[in-house]
Each structure stands twice: as C-alpha cells, then as structure tokens.
Amino acid sequence: MIGTRAVRPVGLGCMNIAWAYGRPPGAAEAARLLDQAIDLGYEHLDTARVYGLGKSERLIGETLHGRRDRFVLASKTGILVDGDQRRIDCRPEFIRAALEESLRLLRTDHIDLYYLHRFDVNVPIEESVGALGDLVKEGKIGGIGLSEMSAPTLRRAHAVHPVTAMQTEYSLWTRDVEIAVLDACRELGVALVAFSPLCRGPLVGTPADPAQFDAKDIRNGMPRFTPENWAHNRLLADRLAALAGEAGVTPAQLALAWVLSRGDHVHAIPGTGRIAHMEENFATLDRAITPDIIARAGEAISPQTTAGPRYPAQMRVGIDTEQLAEAG
C-alpha cells in the first residue's frame, strides 16, 4: 500500500536509466524498458530530479505520459546540483519551484508521491512538510515522502501532515532502518520503500570487479567496493548464489524476497537499465521461497558479515544526523 492505493510491493527505481552505475542505456532502450515495465505489471515508478539532472524525469514523461493512470509516480526534491557543487535545500520556496519543473518534465499535473530527498539541517522539518502539505491541498501532489531520515524526524513530520512513505537504503547488507525507522513506519502506517535492495548489484549476479567500474560509477569510493574490502565481500555472492540454487531462484530474487519479508508495509524499488533484469526482479512476486532459506540468507549476508560501511564520510551529508547516531 502506497498511501491509499494498493500496489505490488516491487516497484521500479528509475535512477539507472539516466545515471549512477556506469553508462546508462540510450533513450530508445530506456523507453523500451519503461514501456515493458508497465506492460509487465509494474505499478510504482520512482524517480528524482537529481537523477541525470532531470533526464530520468524527462524520459518518464516522454515515454509514459499517455499511460499516466497505470502507475503510482514518485519523485523527489531537496538536492540541488550547481556545476560540481551539490547541496541540500528543503526551503518551502525551493520545494515549490522544483515541483513545477518536475511536473513540466514528467508531462503531468500531479505527482502521486513527492519526497524530501535528504535532510536539511538548516530548515526545520516542520516548515518543509508544511509546504508539501500545501501542495497536497492544491492537488499537485498526492502524498508526502521522506528519504534517509530518522524515526524522530519522521514523527515530527507526521505530526504536521501524514507521511505516506519513508524511502531509505535497505538490503541484506544495509539494515540501519531496523534500529527504529522500520518499526516507526509500521506504527504510523507509513510505507517503507527500500532503495538499493540488491546490494548495489555485484552480490546478486556474476560478481563484478570494482576496478572495472566506469569512471562515473557512483560506487567508486564506496568503502564496500574498495580493494581491501571487496576481497572479502565478493565471497558473500557465493553464499547467496548457493542458497538461491537451493530455492530454485536467482540471487537477485532471493535478496528481494528477504527485503519484502521484513514487513507487510515494506516495498522495494530495484533499479536497472536492463530489460532482462527488470523482468527478473518483478518475477520475484511469483516465486515461493521457504522462510528457512530467507532466514539463512539473512544470516549469510548482514552488516556483521560485510566489510566496510556503506558510505564514506563525505557521502553522509544529508543523511539525518539522528539516524546516523542511531546506527552508531
């Protein structure tokens, strides 16, 4: 359930069609992927202004504006990129201006779920959510989302206006949300939307060599992919593959099934630029995996069995400081 609409719990993250993990697909291939996702039954598409600096939103708008009633559309604001500089801006006036540009790029007059992409230490969350509440009243957005924020911040925001969804990284090897956010979402009736549920890729297929990542790949410099840590973490892929083989599913499907097993309020939005991977991820919903296999996957790959934190210090800007404190 996303707000008042029941959707399948596997949605499509649309970052990869524009940016992030190596070279994105061309516009024609991205359009085919988006169209096939809707044909297959995806009901929840997630994007953001910062994905390709508007490219992801534009591709969705150009491809799917005629099929707008077929899916829940989510986008985000709050990250401003100016040349090589990146900063967080959740001021009410910035939120409103950013929304208007997103509506233009997406070729729509309504976004179903609009997130604050990161925590702005300079703007009280109450002010930002109040501005989003005004946009709900105006009919320009359907629901309010938060991304990478703590349980205390969620409660403060929810007291101003009901929050529809909390988006954060959640996977076998990243579980900060289990400290408090997962339960707070359940208590408040907020959907927990997991991004990067497939451990950012290499663990759920043929293990890649991070040394071969494209120069613009955002995983470059992430501690888990540095040579000293990857030598250990690469072995986790073998453990997952063995368990997936027992279950008769792919490693990606087992990793997704583990995330979805964490609660009825949990959704996952794996992203990909490849149609075959998009189809594989969605097929998880038709796979029966025993609770024993899912539990064993959670034991085999966890923060305790993984080498390195998920982000270096400089990438933690905008992640709610209270959440970082919770996570130690």
C-alpha atoms as a PDB file:
ATOM      1  CA  MET A   1       0.000   0.000   0.000  1.00  0.00           C
ATOM      2  CA  ILE A   2       1.346   3.419  -1.014  1.00  0.00           C
ATOM      3  CA  GLY A   3      -0.939   5.925   0.676  1.00  0.00           C
ATOM      4  CA  THR A   4      -4.475   4.890  -0.211  1.00  0.00           C
ATOM      5  CA  ARG A   5      -3.511   2.840  -3.272  1.00  0.00           C
ATOM      6  CA  ALA A   6      -2.654  -0.833  -3.177  1.00  0.00           C
ATOM      7  CA  VAL A   7       0.309  -1.567  -5.432  1.00  0.00           C
ATOM      8  CA  ARG A   8       2.527  -4.586  -5.913  1.00  0.00           C
ATOM      9  CA  PRO A   9       5.460  -4.385  -3.491  1.00  0.00           C
ATOM     10  CA  VAL A  10       8.141  -4.494  -6.208  1.00  0.00           C
ATOM     11  CA  GLY A  11       8.397  -1.157  -7.993  1.00  0.00           C
ATOM     12  CA  LEU A  12      10.907   0.199 -10.483  1.00  0.00           C
ATOM     13  CA  GLY A  13      13.674   2.533  -9.428  1.00  0.00           C
ATOM     14  CA  CYS A  14      14.417   4.839 -12.358  1.00  0.00           C
ATOM     15  CA  MET A  15      17.831   6.224 -11.416  1.00  0.00           C
ATOM     16  CA  ASN A  16      19.736   3.757 -13.574  1.00  0.00           C
ATOM     17  CA  ILE A  17      18.035   4.773 -16.808  1.00  0.00           C
ATOM     18  CA  ALA A  18      19.744   8.151 -16.537  1.00  0.00           C
ATOM     19  CA  TRP A  19      22.796   7.955 -14.286  1.00  0.00           C
ATOM     20  CA  ALA A  20      24.739   6.283 -11.490  1.00  0.00           C
ATOM     21  CA  TYR A  21      26.017   2.769 -12.273  1.00  0.00           C
ATOM     22  CA  GLY A  22      28.217   3.071 -15.316  1.00  0.00           C
ATOM     23  CA  ARG A  23      26.826   4.169 -18.640  1.00  0.00           C
ATOM     24  CA  PRO A  24      23.018   4.383 -18.736  1.00  0.00           C
ATOM     25  CA  PRO A  25      21.026   2.944 -21.641  1.00  0.00           C
ATOM     26  CA  GLY A  26      20.294   5.145 -24.627  1.00  0.00           C
ATOM     27  CA  ALA A  27      16.987   6.994 -24.781  1.00  0.00           C
ATOM     28  CA  ALA A  28      15.366   4.421 -27.081  1.00  0.00           C
ATOM     29  CA  GLU A  29      16.375   1.499 -24.856  1.00  0.00           C
ATOM     30  CA  ALA A  30      15.250   3.336 -21.724  1.00  0.00           C
ATOM     31  CA  ALA A  31      11.880   3.990 -23.347  1.00  0.00           C
ATOM     32  CA  ARG A  32      11.502   0.299 -24.210  1.00  0.00           C
ATOM     33  CA  LEU A  33      12.315  -0.624 -20.612  1.00  0.00           C
ATOM     34  CA  LEU A  34       9.722   1.796 -19.214  1.00  0.00           C
ATOM     35  CA  ASP A  35       7.016   0.644 -21.615  1.00  0.00           C
ATOM     36  CA  GLN A  36       7.722  -3.008 -20.907  1.00  0.00           C
ATOM     37  CA  ALA A  37       7.666  -2.373 -17.169  1.00  0.00           C
ATOM     38  CA  ILE A  38       4.092  -1.068 -17.415  1.00  0.00           C
ATOM     39  CA  ASP A  39       3.111  -3.922 -19.746  1.00  0.00           C
ATOM     40  CA  LEU A  40       4.547  -6.416 -17.262  1.00  0.00           C
ATOM     41  CA  GLY A  41       2.554  -5.003 -14.363  1.00  0.00           C
ATOM     42  CA  TYR A  42       4.818  -2.571 -12.508  1.00  0.00           C
ATOM     43  CA  GLU A  43       2.560  -0.155 -10.644  1.00  0.00           C
ATOM     44  CA  HIS A  44       5.091   2.058  -8.865  1.00  0.00           C
ATOM     45  CA  LEU A  45       7.829   4.051 -10.610  1.00  0.00           C
ATOM     46  CA  ASP A  46      10.307   6.069  -8.567  1.00  0.00           C
ATOM     47  CA  THR A  47      12.497   8.892  -9.850  1.00  0.00           C
ATOM     48  CA  ALA A  48      14.054  12.175  -8.677  1.00  0.00           C
ATOM     49  CA  ARG A  49      15.155  15.492 -10.094  1.00  0.00           C
ATOM     50  CA  VAL A  50      18.805  14.744  -9.370  1.00  0.00           C
ATOM     51  CA  TYR A  51      18.794  11.532 -11.454  1.00  0.00           C
ATOM     52  CA  GLY A  52      20.667  12.688 -14.510  1.00  0.00           C
ATOM     53  CA  LEU A  53      19.786  16.283 -13.585  1.00  0.00           C
ATOM     54  CA  GLY A  54      16.252  15.841 -14.886  1.00  0.00           C
ATOM     55  CA  LYS A  55      16.978  13.190 -17.516  1.00  0.00           C
ATOM     56  CA  SER A  56      15.133  10.405 -15.694  1.00  0.00           C
ATOM     57  CA  GLU A  57      12.027  12.554 -15.177  1.00  0.00           C
ATOM     58  CA  ARG A  58      12.123  13.660 -18.808  1.00  0.00           C
ATOM     59  CA  LEU A  59      12.393  10.073 -20.108  1.00  0.00           C
ATOM     60  CA  ILE A  60       9.418   9.010 -17.998  1.00  0.00           C
ATOM     61  CA  GLY A  61       7.395  11.992 -19.176  1.00  0.00           C
ATOM     62  CA  GLU A  62       8.195  11.479 -22.839  1.00  0.00           C
ATOM     63  CA  THR A  63       7.555   7.734 -22.724  1.00  0.00           C
ATOM     64  CA  LEU A  64       4.643   7.286 -20.352  1.00  0.00           C
ATOM     65  CA  HIS A  65       2.595  10.495 -20.354  1.00  0.00           C
ATOM     66  CA  GLY A  66      -0.119   8.646 -22.267  1.00  0.00           C
ATOM     67  CA  ARG A  67      -0.208   5.839 -19.686  1.00  0.00           C
ATOM     68  CA  ARG A  68      -0.149   8.027 -16.593  1.00  0.00           C
ATOM     69  CA  ASP A  69      -3.143   6.318 -14.989  1.00  0.00           C
ATOM     70  CA  ARG A  70      -1.384   2.952 -14.931  1.00  0.00           C
ATOM     71  CA  PHE A  71       1.117   3.582 -12.136  1.00  0.00           C
ATOM     72  CA  VAL A  72       1.951   5.460  -8.952  1.00  0.00           C
ATOM     73  CA  LEU A  73       4.532   8.109  -9.827  1.00  0.00           C
ATOM     74  CA  ALA A  74       7.059   9.152  -7.187  1.00  0.00           C
ATOM     75  CA  SER A  75       9.722  11.845  -7.452  1.00  0.00           C
ATOM     76  CA  LYS A  76      11.940  13.791  -5.068  1.00  0.00           C
ATOM     77  CA  THR A  77      13.304  17.231  -4.353  1.00  0.00           C
ATOM     78  CA  GLY A  78      15.827  18.712  -1.963  1.00  0.00           C
ATOM     79  CA  ILE A  79      19.167  18.059  -3.658  1.00  0.00           C
ATOM     80  CA  LEU A  80      20.494  20.947  -5.719  1.00  0.00           C
ATOM     81  CA  VAL A  81      23.407  20.449  -8.112  1.00  0.00           C
ATOM     82  CA  ASP A  82      25.178  23.515  -9.457  1.00  0.00           C
ATOM     83  CA  GLY A  83      28.175  22.554 -11.544  1.00  0.00           C
ATOM     84  CA  ASP A  84      30.402  20.424  -9.334  1.00  0.00           C
ATOM     85  CA  GLN A  85      28.677  21.640  -6.186  1.00  0.00           C
ATOM     86  CA  ARG A  86      25.906  19.688  -4.504  1.00  0.00           C
ATOM     87  CA  ARG A  87      23.860  20.935  -1.582  1.00  0.00           C
ATOM     88  CA  ILE A  88      20.646  20.201   0.284  1.00  0.00           C
ATOM     89  CA  ASP A  89      17.801  22.718   0.013  1.00  0.00           C
ATOM     90  CA  CYS A  90      14.393  21.999   1.530  1.00  0.00           C
ATOM     91  CA  ARG A  91      13.180  25.584   1.886  1.00  0.00           C
ATOM     92  CA  PRO A  92       9.465  25.938   1.048  1.00  0.00           C
ATOM     93  CA  GLU A  93      10.157  28.240  -1.903  1.00  0.00           C
ATOM     94  CA  PHE A  94      12.688  25.815  -3.365  1.00  0.00           C
ATOM     95  CA  ILE A  95      10.312  22.876  -2.943  1.00  0.00           C
ATOM     96  CA  ARG A  96       7.546  24.656  -4.845  1.00  0.00           C
ATOM     97  CA  ALA A  97       9.816  25.768  -7.691  1.00  0.00           C
ATOM     98  CA  ALA A  98      11.345  22.299  -8.003  1.00  0.00           C
ATOM     99  CA  LEU A  99       7.919  20.676  -8.142  1.00  0.00           C
ATOM    100  CA  GLU A 100       6.810  22.898 -11.004  1.00  0.00           C
ATOM    101  CA  GLU A 101       9.867  21.902 -13.010  1.00  0.00           C
ATOM    102  CA  SER A 102       9.287  18.214 -12.256  1.00  0.00           C
ATOM    103  CA  LEU A 103       5.676  18.471 -13.371  1.00  0.00           C
ATOM    104  CA  ARG A 104       6.874  20.006 -16.631  1.00  0.00           C
ATOM    105  CA  LEU A 105       9.482  17.315 -17.264  1.00  0.00           C
ATOM    106  CA  LEU A 106       7.122  14.489 -16.300  1.00  0.00           C
ATOM    107  CA  ARG A 107       4.341  15.923 -18.505  1.00  0.00           C
ATOM    108  CA  THR A 108       1.756  15.677 -15.769  1.00  0.00           C
ATOM    109  CA  ASP A 109      -0.175  17.934 -13.422  1.00  0.00           C
ATOM    110  CA  HIS A 110       0.064  15.589 -10.434  1.00  0.00           C
ATOM    111  CA  ILE A 111       2.787  13.525  -8.737  1.00  0.00           C
ATOM    112  CA  ASP A 112       1.381  10.785  -6.530  1.00  0.00           C
ATOM    113  CA  LEU A 113       4.244  10.750  -4.017  1.00  0.00           C
ATOM    114  CA  TYR A 114       6.735  13.578  -3.573  1.00  0.00           C
ATOM    115  CA  TYR A 115       9.742  13.094  -1.291  1.00  0.00           C
ATOM    116  CA  LEU A 116      12.181  15.309   0.511  1.00  0.00           C
ATOM    117  CA  HIS A 117      15.263  13.575  -0.859  1.00  0.00           C
ATOM    118  CA  ARG A 118      17.557  14.385   2.054  1.00  0.00           C
ATOM    119  CA  PHE A 119      17.543  16.009   5.489  1.00  0.00           C
ATOM    120  CA  ASP A 120      18.218  19.767   5.509  1.00  0.00           C
ATOM    121  CA  VAL A 121      19.922  20.763   8.751  1.00  0.00           C
ATOM    122  CA  ASN A 122      19.148  24.430   8.036  1.00  0.00           C
ATOM    123  CA  VAL A 123      15.376  24.121   7.654  1.00  0.00           C
ATOM    124  CA  PRO A 124      13.063  22.717  10.337  1.00  0.00           C
ATOM    125  CA  ILE A 125      11.326  19.617   9.011  1.00  0.00           C
ATOM    126  CA  GLU A 126       8.016  21.168  10.071  1.00  0.00           C
ATOM    127  CA  GLU A 127       8.485  24.023   7.580  1.00  0.00           C
ATOM    128  CA  SER A 128       9.337  21.723   4.699  1.00  0.00           C
ATOM    129  CA  VAL A 129       6.464  19.344   5.403  1.00  0.00           C
ATOM    130  CA  GLY A 130       4.105  22.267   5.848  1.00  0.00           C
ATOM    131  CA  ALA A 131       4.983  23.411   2.327  1.00  0.00           C
ATOM    132  CA  LEU A 132       4.396  19.921   0.992  1.00  0.00           C
ATOM    133  CA  GLY A 133       1.063  19.844   2.805  1.00  0.00           C
ATOM    134  CA  ASP A 134       0.031  22.989   0.936  1.00  0.00           C
ATOM    135  CA  LEU A 135       0.875  21.228  -2.348  1.00  0.00           C
ATOM    136  CA  VAL A 136      -1.310  18.298  -1.305  1.00  0.00           C
ATOM    137  CA  LYS A 137      -4.200  20.701  -0.693  1.00  0.00           C
ATOM    138  CA  GLU A 138      -3.635  22.227  -4.125  1.00  0.00           C
ATOM    139  CA  GLY A 139      -3.845  18.795  -5.754  1.00  0.00           C
ATOM    140  CA  LYS A 140      -0.324  18.934  -7.189  1.00  0.00           C
ATOM    141  CA  ILE A 141       0.937  16.007  -5.117  1.00  0.00           C
ATOM    142  CA  GLY A 142      -0.911  13.114  -3.603  1.00  0.00           C
ATOM    143  CA  GLY A 143       1.309  12.169  -0.686  1.00  0.00           C
ATOM    144  CA  ILE A 144       4.403  13.276   1.217  1.00  0.00           C
ATOM    145  CA  GLY A 145       7.551  11.183   1.435  1.00  0.00           C
ATOM    146  CA  LEU A 146      10.811  11.434   3.370  1.00  0.00           C
ATOM    147  CA  SER A 147      14.108   9.853   2.364  1.00  0.00           C
ATOM    148  CA  GLU A 148      17.025   8.814   4.577  1.00  0.00           C
ATOM    149  CA  MET A 149      15.554  10.322   7.734  1.00  0.00           C
ATOM    150  CA  SER A 150      15.337   9.119  11.305  1.00  0.00           C
ATOM    151  CA  ALA A 151      12.414   7.891  13.366  1.00  0.00           C
ATOM    152  CA  PRO A 152      12.325  11.107  15.470  1.00  0.00           C
ATOM    153  CA  THR A 153      12.262  13.225  12.301  1.00  0.00           C
ATOM    154  CA  LEU A 154       9.505  11.043  10.856  1.00  0.00           C
ATOM    155  CA  ARG A 155       7.406  11.564  13.976  1.00  0.00           C
ATOM    156  CA  ARG A 156       7.910  15.334  13.854  1.00  0.00           C
ATOM    157  CA  ALA A 157       6.943  15.414  10.194  1.00  0.00           C
ATOM    158  CA  HIS A 158       3.947  13.141  10.683  1.00  0.00           C
ATOM    159  CA  ALA A 159       2.617  15.457  13.401  1.00  0.00           C
ATOM    160  CA  VAL A 160       2.407  18.264  10.813  1.00  0.00           C
ATOM    161  CA  HIS A 161       0.943  16.238   7.958  1.00  0.00           C
ATOM    162  CA  PRO A 162       0.526  12.468   7.466  1.00  0.00           C
ATOM    163  CA  VAL A 163       3.582  10.993   5.784  1.00  0.00           C
ATOM    164  CA  THR A 164       2.912   8.434   3.060  1.00  0.00           C
ATOM    165  CA  ALA A 165       6.323   6.794   2.697  1.00  0.00           C
ATOM    166  CA  MET A 166       9.851   6.688   4.048  1.00  0.00           C
ATOM    167  CA  GLN A 167      12.491   5.746   1.494  1.00  0.00           C
ATOM    168  CA  THR A 168      15.880   4.509   2.606  1.00  0.00           C
ATOM    169  CA  GLU A 169      18.536   2.006   1.665  1.00  0.00           C
ATOM    170  CA  TYR A 170      17.605  -1.454   2.925  1.00  0.00           C
ATOM    171  CA  SER A 171      19.135  -4.752   1.893  1.00  0.00           C
ATOM    172  CA  LEU A 172      20.824  -7.834   3.248  1.00  0.00           C
ATOM    173  CA  TRP A 173      23.982  -5.841   3.945  1.00  0.00           C
ATOM    174  CA  THR A 174      22.450  -2.465   4.911  1.00  0.00           C
ATOM    175  CA  ARG A 175      19.972  -2.527   7.806  1.00  0.00           C
ATOM    176  CA  ASP A 176      20.168   0.791   9.663  1.00  0.00           C
ATOM    177  CA  VAL A 177      16.377   1.119   9.417  1.00  0.00           C
ATOM    178  CA  GLU A 178      15.939  -1.835  11.758  1.00  0.00           C
ATOM    179  CA  ILE A 179      17.171   0.258  14.679  1.00  0.00           C
ATOM    180  CA  ALA A 180      13.997   2.382  14.810  1.00  0.00           C
ATOM    181  CA  VAL A 181      12.684   3.514  11.408  1.00  0.00           C
ATOM    182  CA  LEU A 182      11.158   0.196  10.329  1.00  0.00           C
ATOM    183  CA  ASP A 183       9.034  -0.052  13.473  1.00  0.00           C
ATOM    184  CA  ALA A 184       8.101   3.642  13.447  1.00  0.00           C
ATOM    185  CA  CYS A 185       6.794   3.271   9.896  1.00  0.00           C
ATOM    186  CA  ARG A 186       4.752   0.234  10.881  1.00  0.00           C
ATOM    187  CA  GLU A 187       3.312   2.054  13.895  1.00  0.00           C
ATOM    188  CA  LEU A 188       2.351   5.163  11.919  1.00  0.00           C
ATOM    189  CA  GLY A 189       1.031   3.373   8.843  1.00  0.00           C
ATOM    190  CA  VAL A 190       3.865   4.655   6.643  1.00  0.00           C
ATOM    191  CA  ALA A 191       5.203   2.563   3.754  1.00  0.00           C
ATOM    192  CA  LEU A 192       8.911   1.729   3.991  1.00  0.00           C
ATOM    193  CA  VAL A 193      10.344   1.925   0.468  1.00  0.00           C
ATOM    194  CA  ALA A 194      13.717   0.193   0.138  1.00  0.00           C
ATOM    195  CA  PHE A 195      16.165   1.523  -2.413  1.00  0.00           C
ATOM    196  CA  SER A 196      19.256  -0.450  -3.442  1.00  0.00           C
ATOM    197  CA  PRO A 197      17.622  -3.672  -2.173  1.00  0.00           C
ATOM    198  CA  LEU A 198      20.038  -5.712  -4.319  1.00  0.00           C
ATOM    199  CA  CYS A 199      23.199  -4.621  -2.510  1.00  0.00           C
ATOM    200  CA  ARG A 200      24.084  -2.275  -5.377  1.00  0.00           C
ATOM    201  CA  GLY A 201      24.417  -5.094  -7.868  1.00  0.00           C
ATOM    202  CA  PRO A 202      27.576  -7.176  -7.685  1.00  0.00           C
ATOM    203  CA  LEU A 203      26.359  -9.573  -4.993  1.00  0.00           C
ATOM    204  CA  VAL A 204      23.294 -10.705  -6.924  1.00  0.00           C
ATOM    205  CA  GLY A 205      24.824 -11.769 -10.221  1.00  0.00           C
ATOM    206  CA  THR A 206      28.237 -12.594 -11.586  1.00  0.00           C
ATOM    207  CA  PRO A 207      30.465 -10.718  -9.137  1.00  0.00           C
ATOM    208  CA  ALA A 208      31.949  -7.705 -10.875  1.00  0.00           C
ATOM    209  CA  ASP A 209      35.422  -6.377 -10.338  1.00  0.00           C
ATOM    210  CA  PRO A 210      35.009  -2.864  -8.917  1.00  0.00           C
ATOM    211  CA  ALA A 211      38.302  -1.974 -10.542  1.00  0.00           C
ATOM    212  CA  GLN A 212      36.421  -2.198 -13.851  1.00  0.00           C
ATOM    213  CA  PHE A 213      33.625   0.201 -12.863  1.00  0.00           C
ATOM    214  CA  ASP A 214      33.087   3.120 -15.209  1.00  0.00           C
ATOM    215  CA  ALA A 215      34.831   6.297 -14.087  1.00  0.00           C
ATOM    216  CA  LYS A 216      31.462   7.948 -13.353  1.00  0.00           C
ATOM    217  CA  ASP A 217      30.049   4.995 -11.403  1.00  0.00           C
ATOM    218  CA  ILE A 218      28.833   6.256  -8.009  1.00  0.00           C
ATOM    219  CA  ARG A 219      30.101   3.084  -6.322  1.00  0.00           C
ATOM    220  CA  ASN A 220      33.677   4.249  -6.866  1.00  0.00           C
ATOM    221  CA  GLY A 221      34.945   5.169  -3.441  1.00  0.00           C
ATOM    222  CA  MET A 222      32.139   3.453  -1.529  1.00  0.00           C
ATOM    223  CA  PRO A 223      34.003   1.532   1.182  1.00  0.00           C
ATOM    224  CA  ARG A 224      32.462  -1.864   0.447  1.00  0.00           C
ATOM    225  CA  PHE A 225      33.906  -1.802  -3.063  1.00  0.00           C
ATOM    226  CA  THR A 226      37.456  -0.746  -2.232  1.00  0.00           C
ATOM    227  CA  PRO A 227      40.052  -3.480  -2.918  1.00  0.00           C
ATOM    228  CA  GLU A 228      40.710  -4.251   0.740  1.00  0.00           C
ATOM    229  CA  ASN A 229      37.006  -4.786   1.471  1.00  0.00           C
ATOM    230  CA  TRP A 230      35.882  -6.272  -1.827  1.00  0.00           C
ATOM    231  CA  ALA A 231      38.243  -9.229  -1.457  1.00  0.00           C
ATOM    232  CA  HIS A 232      36.039 -10.257   1.475  1.00  0.00           C
ATOM    233  CA  ASN A 233      32.657  -9.029   0.234  1.00  0.00           C
ATOM    234  CA  ARG A 234      32.977 -10.768  -3.106  1.00  0.00           C
ATOM    235  CA  LEU A 235      32.742 -14.092  -1.250  1.00  0.00           C
ATOM    236  CA  LEU A 236      29.274 -13.137   0.011  1.00  0.00           C
ATOM    237  CA  ALA A 237      27.996 -13.514  -3.548  1.00  0.00           C
ATOM    238  CA  ASP A 238      28.922 -17.202  -3.491  1.00  0.00           C
ATOM    239  CA  ARG A 239      26.950 -17.737  -0.280  1.00  0.00           C
ATOM    240  CA  LEU A 240      23.879 -16.059  -1.740  1.00  0.00           C
ATOM    241  CA  ALA A 241      24.160 -17.976  -5.018  1.00  0.00           C
ATOM    242  CA  ALA A 242      24.321 -21.294  -3.175  1.00  0.00           C
ATOM    243  CA  LEU A 243      21.174 -20.535  -1.185  1.00  0.00           C
ATOM    244  CA  ALA A 244      19.368 -19.268  -4.271  1.00  0.00           C
ATOM    245  CA  GLY A 245      20.250 -22.513  -6.037  1.00  0.00           C
ATOM    246  CA  GLU A 246      18.638 -24.497  -3.213  1.00  0.00           C
ATOM    247  CA  ALA A 247      15.468 -22.441  -3.617  1.00  0.00           C
ATOM    248  CA  GLY A 248      15.419 -22.609  -7.411  1.00  0.00           C
ATOM    249  CA  VAL A 249      15.549 -18.810  -7.782  1.00  0.00           C
ATOM    250  CA  THR A 250      18.154 -16.274  -8.798  1.00  0.00           C
ATOM    251  CA  PRO A 251      20.315 -14.487  -6.220  1.00  0.00           C
ATOM    252  CA  ALA A 252      18.531 -11.228  -7.019  1.00  0.00           C
ATOM    253  CA  GLN A 253      15.158 -12.805  -6.364  1.00  0.00           C
ATOM    254  CA  LEU A 254      16.326 -14.208  -3.039  1.00  0.00           C
ATOM    255  CA  ALA A 255      17.766 -10.834  -1.997  1.00  0.00           C
ATOM    256  CA  LEU A 256      14.483  -9.100  -2.898  1.00  0.00           C
ATOM    257  CA  ALA A 257      12.416 -11.740  -1.136  1.00  0.00           C
ATOM    258  CA  TRP A 258      14.441 -11.165   2.038  1.00  0.00           C
ATOM    259  CA  VAL A 259      13.708  -7.419   1.962  1.00  0.00           C
ATOM    260  CA  LEU A 260       9.990  -7.962   1.333  1.00  0.00           C
ATOM    261  CA  SER A 261       9.841 -10.468   4.195  1.00  0.00           C
ATOM    262  CA  ARG A 262      10.597  -7.691   6.711  1.00  0.00           C
ATOM    263  CA  GLY A 263       7.010  -6.487   6.919  1.00  0.00           C
ATOM    264  CA  ASP A 264       3.759  -6.041   5.042  1.00  0.00           C
ATOM    265  CA  HIS A 265       4.495  -2.314   4.859  1.00  0.00           C
ATOM    266  CA  VAL A 266       7.815  -2.851   3.048  1.00  0.00           C
ATOM    267  CA  HIS A 267       8.213  -2.144  -0.676  1.00  0.00           C
ATOM    268  CA  ALA A 268      11.343  -2.500  -2.802  1.00  0.00           C
ATOM    269  CA  ILE A 269      12.326  -0.441  -5.844  1.00  0.00           C
ATOM    270  CA  PRO A 270      15.275  -2.184  -7.521  1.00  0.00           C
ATOM    271  CA  GLY A 271      16.669  -0.108 -10.346  1.00  0.00           C
ATOM    272  CA  THR A 272      18.202  -1.297 -13.589  1.00  0.00           C
ATOM    273  CA  GLY A 273      18.917  -0.165 -17.099  1.00  0.00           C
ATOM    274  CA  ARG A 274      18.442  -3.687 -18.480  1.00  0.00           C
ATOM    275  CA  ILE A 275      15.106  -5.131 -19.502  1.00  0.00           C
ATOM    276  CA  ALA A 276      16.105  -8.694 -18.555  1.00  0.00           C
ATOM    277  CA  HIS A 277      16.982  -7.622 -15.010  1.00  0.00           C
ATOM    278  CA  MET A 278      13.745  -5.633 -14.745  1.00  0.00           C
ATOM    279  CA  GLU A 279      11.763  -8.740 -15.697  1.00  0.00           C
ATOM    280  CA  GLU A 280      13.773 -10.953 -13.318  1.00  0.00           C
ATOM    281  CA  ASN A 281      13.139  -8.621 -10.388  1.00  0.00           C
ATOM    282  CA  PHE A 282       9.393  -8.450 -10.965  1.00  0.00           C
ATOM    283  CA  ALA A 283       9.172 -12.246 -11.243  1.00  0.00           C
ATOM    284  CA  THR A 284      10.172 -12.423  -7.555  1.00  0.00           C
ATOM    285  CA  LEU A 285       6.499 -11.879  -6.765  1.00  0.00           C
ATOM    286  CA  ASP A 286       5.695 -15.261  -8.336  1.00  0.00           C
ATOM    287  CA  ARG A 287       8.441 -17.214  -6.579  1.00  0.00           C
ATOM    288  CA  ALA A 288       7.795 -19.289  -3.471  1.00  0.00           C
ATOM    289  CA  ILE A 289      10.819 -19.260  -1.170  1.00  0.00           C
ATOM    290  CA  THR A 290      10.697 -21.006   2.182  1.00  0.00           C
ATOM    291  CA  PRO A 291      11.125 -18.973   5.372  1.00  0.00           C
ATOM    292  CA  ASP A 292      14.148 -21.143   6.210  1.00  0.00           C
ATOM    293  CA  ILE A 293      16.021 -20.124   3.067  1.00  0.00           C
ATOM    294  CA  ILE A 294      15.137 -16.481   3.604  1.00  0.00           C
ATOM    295  CA  ALA A 295      16.369 -16.642   7.204  1.00  0.00           C
ATOM    296  CA  ARG A 296      19.609 -18.314   6.141  1.00  0.00           C
ATOM    297  CA  ALA A 297      20.192 -15.617   3.534  1.00  0.00           C
ATOM    298  CA  GLY A 298      19.820 -13.028   6.279  1.00  0.00           C
ATOM    299  CA  GLU A 299      22.428 -14.810   8.350  1.00  0.00           C
ATOM    300  CA  ALA A 300      24.864 -15.311   5.474  1.00  0.00           C
ATOM    301  CA  ILE A 301      24.864 -11.656   4.420  1.00  0.00           C
ATOM    302  CA  SER A 302      24.419  -8.978   7.047  1.00  0.00           C
ATOM    303  CA  PRO A 303      26.217  -5.877   8.304  1.00  0.00           C
ATOM    304  CA  GLN A 304      28.105  -8.197  10.638  1.00  0.00           C
ATOM    305  CA  THR A 305      29.426 -10.369   7.782  1.00  0.00           C
ATOM    306  CA  THR A 306      30.150  -7.401   5.470  1.00  0.00           C
ATOM    307  CA  ALA A 307      33.426  -5.488   5.342  1.00  0.00           C
ATOM    308  CA  GLY A 308      33.175  -1.706   5.352  1.00  0.00           C
ATOM    309  CA  PRO A 309      30.384   0.854   5.930  1.00  0.00           C
ATOM    310  CA  ARG A 310      28.020   1.753   3.092  1.00  0.00           C
ATOM    311  CA  TYR A 311      29.230   5.346   2.625  1.00  0.00           C
ATOM    312  CA  PRO A 312      32.459   7.270   3.172  1.00  0.00           C
ATOM    313  CA  ALA A 313      32.199  10.294   5.445  1.00  0.00           C
ATOM    314  CA  GLN A 314      31.748  12.838   2.627  1.00  0.00           C
ATOM    315  CA  MET A 315      28.696  10.995   1.260  1.00  0.00           C
ATOM    316  CA  ARG A 316      26.859  11.156   4.567  1.00  0.00           C
ATOM    317  CA  VAL A 317      25.866  14.780   4.044  1.00  0.00           C
ATOM    318  CA  GLY A 318      22.085  14.979   4.029  1.00  0.00           C
ATOM    319  CA  ILE A 319      21.514  11.719   5.865  1.00  0.00           C
ATOM    320  CA  ASP A 320      19.622  12.566   9.032  1.00  0.00           C
ATOM    321  CA  THR A 321      22.181  13.006  11.813  1.00  0.00           C
ATOM    322  CA  GLU A 322      19.796  11.377  14.265  1.00  0.00           C
ATOM    323  CA  GLN A 323      19.691   8.300  12.058  1.00  0.00           C
ATOM    324  CA  LEU A 324      23.473   8.192  11.977  1.00  0.00           C
ATOM    325  CA  ALA A 325      23.542   8.433  15.753  1.00  0.00           C
ATOM    326  CA  GLU A 326      21.067   5.551  15.984  1.00  0.00           C
ATOM    327  CA  ALA A 327      23.235   3.493  13.684  1.00  0.00           C
ATOM    328  CA  GLY A 328      26.386   4.194  15.649  1.00  0.00           C
END
